[in-house]
Amino acid sequence: MPQVSHRLSPQRVVVQPELLEVTALNEHSWQVCDSRREPTDAMRLLAFIERRRDSYRITWLAGGRGWAIFRDFDAALRSVRIRCLDQSLDD
């Protein structure tokens, strides 16, 4: 997984194999999108990840509603991929 900078300026990171696009919204939150969908497609936005003290909270927008907490950013991204994309990789 690529390292994510916690800078204030927005940053885009594409995660293997270019399925997830992660954009920093500020120094402690990111949006995660399905890079296979058009930018105008509302289904492109999968989740938000927020850094909270020593953990990362995902607010799900796809694959079911709700939230989950992870100890590290990479685990949170893996969870988004598994929950939102792995079921549709054969589409």
N, C-alpha and C. Protein backbone atom coordinates (compact mmCIF):
# COMPACT_ATOMS: atom_id res chain seq x y z
N MET A 1 0.83 -1.18 0.00
CA MET A 1 0.00 0.00 0.00
C MET A 1 0.88 1.25 0.00
N PRO A 2 0.48 2.27 -0.73
CA PRO A 2 1.26 3.50 -0.72
C PRO A 2 1.14 4.21 0.61
N GLN A 3 2.18 4.93 0.95
CA GLN A 3 2.14 5.74 2.16
C GLN A 3 1.28 6.97 1.89
N VAL A 4 0.47 7.34 2.85
CA VAL A 4 -0.39 8.50 2.70
C VAL A 4 0.17 9.63 3.54
N SER A 5 0.40 10.74 2.91
CA SER A 5 0.89 11.91 3.62
C SER A 5 -0.26 12.56 4.37
N HIS A 6 0.03 13.05 5.54
CA HIS A 6 -1.00 13.71 6.34
C HIS A 6 -0.90 15.23 6.20
N ARG A 7 -0.59 15.68 4.99
CA ARG A 7 -0.49 17.10 4.72
C ARG A 7 -1.87 17.73 4.60
N LEU A 8 -1.91 19.05 4.71
CA LEU A 8 -3.18 19.76 4.59
C LEU A 8 -3.69 19.80 3.16
N SER A 9 -2.80 19.90 2.18
CA SER A 9 -3.26 20.01 0.80
C SER A 9 -3.81 18.69 0.30
N PRO A 10 -4.88 18.73 -0.51
CA PRO A 10 -5.46 17.49 -1.05
C PRO A 10 -4.43 16.71 -1.84
N GLN A 11 -4.49 15.42 -1.69
CA GLN A 11 -3.56 14.53 -2.38
C GLN A 11 -4.34 13.33 -2.88
N ARG A 12 -4.00 12.85 -4.06
CA ARG A 12 -4.65 11.66 -4.60
C ARG A 12 -3.67 10.51 -4.59
N VAL A 13 -4.14 9.38 -4.14
CA VAL A 13 -3.34 8.16 -4.11
C VAL A 13 -4.18 7.08 -4.75
N VAL A 14 -3.63 6.34 -5.72
CA VAL A 14 -4.35 5.24 -6.33
C VAL A 14 -3.77 3.95 -5.78
N VAL A 15 -4.64 3.08 -5.28
CA VAL A 15 -4.23 1.85 -4.62
C VAL A 15 -4.34 0.70 -5.60
N GLN A 16 -3.42 -0.25 -5.50
CA GLN A 16 -3.35 -1.41 -6.39
C GLN A 16 -4.69 -2.05 -6.60
N PRO A 17 -5.00 -2.68 -7.68
CA PRO A 17 -4.43 -2.33 -8.98
C PRO A 17 -5.24 -1.19 -9.59
N GLU A 18 -5.07 -0.04 -9.06
CA GLU A 18 -5.74 1.18 -9.51
C GLU A 18 -7.25 1.09 -9.41
N LEU A 19 -7.74 0.48 -8.35
CA LEU A 19 -9.18 0.38 -8.13
C LEU A 19 -9.68 1.43 -7.16
N LEU A 20 -8.90 1.70 -6.12
CA LEU A 20 -9.29 2.69 -5.13
C LEU A 20 -8.52 3.98 -5.36
N GLU A 21 -9.24 5.08 -5.34
CA GLU A 21 -8.61 6.40 -5.42
C GLU A 21 -8.85 7.08 -4.08
N VAL A 22 -7.79 7.46 -3.40
CA VAL A 22 -7.88 8.08 -2.08
C VAL A 22 -7.48 9.54 -2.20
N THR A 23 -8.35 10.44 -1.77
CA THR A 23 -8.08 11.87 -1.83
C THR A 23 -8.13 12.45 -0.43
N ALA A 24 -7.02 13.09 -0.02
CA ALA A 24 -7.00 13.75 1.29
C ALA A 24 -7.89 14.97 1.24
N LEU A 25 -8.78 15.10 2.21
CA LEU A 25 -9.66 16.26 2.30
C LEU A 25 -9.06 17.32 3.21
N ASN A 26 -8.33 16.86 4.23
CA ASN A 26 -7.57 17.72 5.13
C ASN A 26 -6.54 16.83 5.81
N GLU A 27 -5.92 17.29 6.88
CA GLU A 27 -4.83 16.52 7.49
C GLU A 27 -5.30 15.27 8.22
N HIS A 28 -6.60 15.10 8.42
CA HIS A 28 -7.09 13.93 9.16
C HIS A 28 -8.29 13.23 8.54
N SER A 29 -8.60 13.52 7.26
CA SER A 29 -9.72 12.81 6.63
C SER A 29 -9.49 12.66 5.12
N TRP A 30 -10.03 11.55 4.60
CA TRP A 30 -9.87 11.18 3.20
C TRP A 30 -11.18 10.65 2.65
N GLN A 31 -11.38 10.80 1.35
CA GLN A 31 -12.49 10.13 0.69
C GLN A 31 -11.90 9.02 -0.17
N VAL A 32 -12.62 7.90 -0.25
CA VAL A 32 -12.16 6.74 -1.01
C VAL A 32 -13.18 6.48 -2.11
N CYS A 33 -12.70 6.43 -3.35
CA CYS A 33 -13.58 6.27 -4.51
C CYS A 33 -13.18 5.05 -5.33
N ASP A 34 -14.13 4.55 -6.11
CA ASP A 34 -13.90 3.48 -7.08
C ASP A 34 -13.41 4.15 -8.36
N SER A 35 -12.14 3.97 -8.68
CA SER A 35 -11.55 4.67 -9.83
C SER A 35 -12.08 4.18 -11.17
N ARG A 36 -12.80 3.05 -11.18
CA ARG A 36 -13.35 2.53 -12.44
C ARG A 36 -14.60 3.28 -12.88
N ARG A 37 -15.20 4.02 -11.98
CA ARG A 37 -16.44 4.74 -12.29
C ARG A 37 -16.12 6.16 -12.75
N GLU A 38 -17.02 6.71 -13.52
CA GLU A 38 -16.88 8.08 -14.02
C GLU A 38 -16.94 9.07 -12.85
N PRO A 39 -16.22 10.18 -12.94
CA PRO A 39 -16.24 11.19 -11.86
C PRO A 39 -17.63 11.73 -11.54
N THR A 40 -18.56 11.67 -12.49
CA THR A 40 -19.91 12.17 -12.26
C THR A 40 -20.85 11.13 -11.66
N ASP A 41 -20.39 9.89 -11.53
CA ASP A 41 -21.21 8.79 -10.99
C ASP A 41 -21.23 8.86 -9.47
N ALA A 42 -22.39 9.01 -8.88
CA ALA A 42 -22.53 9.09 -7.43
C ALA A 42 -22.08 7.80 -6.74
N MET A 43 -22.12 6.68 -7.44
CA MET A 43 -21.69 5.40 -6.86
C MET A 43 -20.17 5.28 -6.78
N ARG A 44 -19.47 6.25 -7.31
CA ARG A 44 -18.00 6.28 -7.26
C ARG A 44 -17.50 6.43 -5.83
N LEU A 45 -18.17 7.22 -5.00
CA LEU A 45 -17.75 7.47 -3.62
C LEU A 45 -18.12 6.29 -2.75
N LEU A 46 -17.11 5.63 -2.16
CA LEU A 46 -17.31 4.42 -1.38
C LEU A 46 -17.34 4.67 0.12
N ALA A 47 -16.44 5.53 0.61
CA ALA A 47 -16.31 5.71 2.06
C ALA A 47 -15.51 6.97 2.37
N PHE A 48 -15.61 7.38 3.62
CA PHE A 48 -14.75 8.41 4.18
C PHE A 48 -13.93 7.76 5.28
N ILE A 49 -12.67 8.15 5.39
CA ILE A 49 -11.81 7.68 6.47
C ILE A 49 -11.36 8.90 7.27
N GLU A 50 -11.50 8.82 8.59
CA GLU A 50 -11.08 9.90 9.47
C GLU A 50 -10.07 9.37 10.48
N ARG A 51 -8.98 10.12 10.68
CA ARG A 51 -8.03 9.76 11.73
C ARG A 51 -8.54 10.32 13.05
N ARG A 52 -8.66 9.46 14.04
CA ARG A 52 -9.12 9.86 15.37
C ARG A 52 -8.15 9.31 16.39
N ARG A 53 -7.32 10.18 16.93
CA ARG A 53 -6.27 9.79 17.87
C ARG A 53 -5.41 8.69 17.26
N ASP A 54 -5.44 7.49 17.80
CA ASP A 54 -4.59 6.40 17.31
C ASP A 54 -5.34 5.39 16.46
N SER A 55 -6.45 5.81 15.85
CA SER A 55 -7.23 4.89 15.03
C SER A 55 -7.80 5.62 13.82
N TYR A 56 -8.39 4.83 12.93
CA TYR A 56 -9.01 5.36 11.71
C TYR A 56 -10.44 4.85 11.64
N ARG A 57 -11.36 5.77 11.48
CA ARG A 57 -12.78 5.42 11.41
C ARG A 57 -13.27 5.54 9.96
N ILE A 58 -13.90 4.47 9.49
CA ILE A 58 -14.50 4.48 8.15
C ILE A 58 -16.00 4.73 8.30
N THR A 59 -16.51 5.66 7.54
CA THR A 59 -17.95 5.84 7.39
C THR A 59 -18.29 5.29 6.02
N TRP A 60 -19.07 4.22 6.00
CA TRP A 60 -19.40 3.52 4.75
C TRP A 60 -20.47 4.27 3.97
N LEU A 61 -20.29 4.37 2.67
CA LEU A 61 -21.29 4.91 1.77
C LEU A 61 -21.71 3.87 0.74
N ALA A 62 -20.97 2.77 0.66
CA ALA A 62 -21.26 1.66 -0.24
C ALA A 62 -21.04 0.36 0.52
N GLY A 63 -21.66 -0.71 0.07
CA GLY A 63 -21.48 -1.99 0.74
C GLY A 63 -22.21 -2.07 2.06
N GLY A 64 -23.19 -1.22 2.26
CA GLY A 64 -23.92 -1.17 3.52
C GLY A 64 -23.57 0.09 4.27
N ARG A 65 -24.48 0.57 5.06
CA ARG A 65 -24.26 1.80 5.82
C ARG A 65 -23.65 1.47 7.17
N GLY A 66 -23.10 2.49 7.83
CA GLY A 66 -22.54 2.32 9.15
C GLY A 66 -21.10 2.80 9.20
N TRP A 67 -20.37 2.33 10.20
CA TRP A 67 -18.98 2.72 10.37
C TRP A 67 -18.19 1.59 11.02
N ALA A 68 -16.86 1.71 10.94
CA ALA A 68 -15.95 0.72 11.53
C ALA A 68 -14.66 1.44 11.94
N ILE A 69 -13.96 0.89 12.90
CA ILE A 69 -12.72 1.49 13.38
C ILE A 69 -11.56 0.52 13.18
N PHE A 70 -10.41 1.05 12.70
CA PHE A 70 -9.22 0.26 12.44
C PHE A 70 -8.01 0.93 13.09
N ARG A 71 -7.02 0.13 13.42
CA ARG A 71 -5.81 0.65 14.07
C ARG A 71 -4.88 1.37 13.11
N ASP A 72 -4.89 0.99 11.81
CA ASP A 72 -4.00 1.67 10.88
C ASP A 72 -4.71 1.93 9.55
N PHE A 73 -4.14 2.87 8.80
CA PHE A 73 -4.74 3.32 7.56
C PHE A 73 -4.79 2.21 6.52
N ASP A 74 -3.72 1.41 6.41
CA ASP A 74 -3.69 0.33 5.43
C ASP A 74 -4.79 -0.69 5.68
N ALA A 75 -5.04 -1.02 6.93
CA ALA A 75 -6.12 -1.96 7.26
C ALA A 75 -7.48 -1.37 6.87
N ALA A 76 -7.65 -0.09 7.07
CA ALA A 76 -8.89 0.57 6.68
C ALA A 76 -9.10 0.49 5.17
N LEU A 77 -8.04 0.76 4.40
CA LEU A 77 -8.15 0.67 2.93
C LEU A 77 -8.44 -0.75 2.47
N ARG A 78 -7.78 -1.72 3.07
CA ARG A 78 -8.06 -3.12 2.71
C ARG A 78 -9.52 -3.45 2.96
N SER A 79 -10.06 -2.94 4.06
CA SER A 79 -11.45 -3.19 4.39
C SER A 79 -12.39 -2.58 3.35
N VAL A 80 -12.09 -1.38 2.90
CA VAL A 80 -12.91 -0.74 1.86
C VAL A 80 -12.88 -1.59 0.60
N ARG A 81 -11.69 -2.03 0.22
CA ARG A 81 -11.59 -2.84 -1.00
C ARG A 81 -12.38 -4.14 -0.87
N ILE A 82 -12.21 -4.83 0.25
CA ILE A 82 -12.90 -6.11 0.45
C ILE A 82 -14.41 -5.91 0.47
N ARG A 83 -14.87 -4.93 1.22
CA ARG A 83 -16.31 -4.72 1.39
C ARG A 83 -16.99 -4.16 0.14
N CYS A 84 -16.30 -3.25 -0.54
CA CYS A 84 -16.96 -2.52 -1.64
C CYS A 84 -16.58 -2.99 -3.03
N LEU A 85 -15.40 -3.55 -3.20
CA LEU A 85 -14.94 -3.85 -4.56
C LEU A 85 -14.77 -5.32 -4.87
N ASP A 86 -14.22 -6.10 -3.96
CA ASP A 86 -13.89 -7.49 -4.29
C ASP A 86 -15.06 -8.28 -4.83
N GLN A 87 -16.27 -7.97 -4.40
CA GLN A 87 -17.45 -8.66 -4.89
C GLN A 87 -17.78 -8.28 -6.32
N SER A 88 -17.28 -7.12 -6.78
CA SER A 88 -17.64 -6.67 -8.12
C SER A 88 -16.47 -6.70 -9.10
N LEU A 89 -15.35 -7.33 -8.74
CA LEU A 89 -14.18 -7.33 -9.63
C LEU A 89 -14.42 -8.09 -10.91
N ASP A 90 -15.36 -8.99 -10.94
CA ASP A 90 -15.64 -9.74 -12.16
C ASP A 90 -16.63 -9.04 -13.08
N ASP A 91 -17.13 -7.86 -12.67
CA ASP A 91 -18.10 -7.11 -13.48
C ASP A 91 -17.47 -6.60 -14.77
